Amino acid sequence: MDNLNNYLLVSAVLFSIGTIGVLTRKNAIVVFMCIEMMLNAVNLSFVALSRHLGNLDGQVFVFFIMTVAAAEAAVGLALFISFFNNRESIDIDDANLMKW
């Protein structure tokens, strides 16, 4: 039998690394990769808790989260390409220039 605490510990570490990355990085691609890491940490905890409790509710939520993550990646990539074509940079500090 697997140990639930180990899965939750790995999930917490991944989520913490993702949070630190979002708060400290200036490159927009790295920030979105850190957001994806945070979503995957939540997915890991959902699957671990779902298996521990013996129901499939957590695994169903994982499919919804993966769908949102895929949509976020597609929209984010389109925004990055558009932003890079206009400013030739994907630095988050340059995004303030695009305000009204």
Protein backbone atom coordinates (compact mmCIF):
# COMPACT_ATOMS: atom_id res chain seq x y z
CA MET A 1 0.00 0.00 0.00
CA ASP A 2 1.33 3.40 -0.90
CA ASN A 3 1.84 6.15 1.62
CA LEU A 4 -0.46 9.13 1.11
CA ASN A 5 1.85 11.49 2.99
CA ASN A 6 4.65 10.99 0.45
CA TYR A 7 2.40 11.95 -2.44
CA LEU A 8 1.08 14.99 -0.63
CA LEU A 9 4.62 16.03 0.31
CA VAL A 10 5.76 15.84 -3.32
CA SER A 11 2.66 17.75 -4.34
CA ALA A 12 3.34 20.48 -1.77
CA VAL A 13 6.97 20.79 -2.88
CA LEU A 14 5.96 21.07 -6.56
CA PHE A 15 3.31 23.64 -5.73
CA SER A 16 5.80 25.67 -3.67
CA ILE A 17 8.40 25.62 -6.46
CA GLY A 18 5.72 26.78 -8.90
CA THR A 19 4.62 29.58 -6.59
CA ILE A 20 8.17 30.80 -6.11
CA GLY A 21 8.69 30.71 -9.87
CA VAL A 22 5.55 32.75 -10.55
CA LEU A 23 6.52 35.36 -7.98
CA THR A 24 10.19 35.74 -8.93
CA ARG A 25 10.50 35.25 -12.71
CA LYS A 26 10.07 37.93 -15.35
CA ASN A 27 9.92 35.74 -18.45
CA ALA A 28 6.30 35.08 -19.37
CA ILE A 29 6.97 31.57 -20.68
CA VAL A 30 8.66 30.56 -17.43
CA VAL A 31 5.75 32.01 -15.45
CA PHE A 32 3.24 29.96 -17.44
CA MET A 33 5.41 26.85 -17.02
CA CYS A 34 5.34 27.44 -13.26
CA ILE A 35 1.56 27.78 -13.37
CA GLU A 36 1.42 24.46 -15.21
CA MET A 37 3.62 22.95 -12.49
CA MET A 38 1.21 24.21 -9.85
CA LEU A 39 -1.73 22.66 -11.72
CA ASN A 40 0.11 19.35 -11.96
CA ALA A 41 0.81 19.46 -8.21
CA VAL A 42 -2.90 19.86 -7.58
CA ASN A 43 -3.59 16.99 -9.99
CA LEU A 44 -1.18 14.78 -8.07
CA SER A 45 -2.88 15.51 -4.77
CA PHE A 46 -6.34 14.91 -6.29
CA VAL A 47 -5.30 11.53 -7.69
CA ALA A 48 -3.56 10.49 -4.46
CA LEU A 49 -6.54 11.45 -2.30
CA SER A 50 -8.96 9.85 -4.74
CA ARG A 51 -7.07 6.57 -4.61
CA HIS A 52 -6.74 6.76 -0.83
CA LEU A 53 -10.47 7.34 -0.36
CA GLY A 54 -11.43 4.75 -2.96
CA ASN A 55 -13.60 6.91 -5.18
CA LEU A 56 -13.09 8.43 -8.62
CA ASP A 57 -14.17 12.01 -7.90
CA GLY A 58 -10.62 13.35 -7.72
CA GLN A 59 -9.66 11.70 -10.98
CA VAL A 60 -12.65 13.26 -12.72
CA PHE A 61 -11.52 16.69 -11.50
CA VAL A 62 -8.07 15.99 -12.92
CA PHE A 63 -9.55 15.67 -16.42
CA PHE A 64 -11.22 19.08 -16.04
CA ILE A 65 -7.99 20.64 -14.77
CA MET A 66 -6.06 19.13 -17.68
CA THR A 67 -8.59 20.60 -20.11
CA VAL A 68 -8.22 24.05 -18.55
CA ALA A 69 -4.42 23.71 -18.63
CA ALA A 70 -4.46 22.78 -22.32
CA ALA A 71 -6.69 25.75 -23.14
CA GLU A 72 -4.47 28.03 -21.07
CA ALA A 73 -1.37 26.80 -22.90
CA ALA A 74 -2.95 27.37 -26.32
CA VAL A 75 -4.20 30.87 -25.48
CA GLY A 76 -0.96 31.73 -23.70
CA LEU A 77 1.14 30.66 -26.67
CA ALA A 78 -0.99 32.74 -29.02
CA LEU A 79 -0.59 35.76 -26.73
CA PHE A 80 3.17 35.22 -26.50
CA ILE A 81 3.51 35.11 -30.28
CA SER A 82 1.42 38.26 -30.70
CA PHE A 83 3.27 40.06 -27.92
CA PHE A 84 6.67 39.03 -29.31
CA ASN A 85 5.72 40.23 -32.80
CA ASN A 86 4.81 43.65 -31.39
CA ARG A 87 7.57 44.17 -28.80
CA GLU A 88 10.24 41.59 -29.73
CA SER A 89 10.35 40.56 -26.07
CA ILE A 90 8.26 38.41 -23.75
CA ASP A 91 9.36 40.10 -20.55
CA ILE A 92 6.51 40.65 -18.10
CA ASP A 93 7.69 44.18 -17.36
CA ASP A 94 7.13 45.06 -21.02
CA ALA A 95 3.48 44.03 -20.72
CA ASN A 96 2.76 47.27 -18.86
CA LEU A 97 3.39 49.10 -22.13
CA MET A 98 0.31 47.50 -23.62
CA LYS A 99 -2.11 49.20 -21.20
CA TRP A 100 -4.60 51.69 -22.57
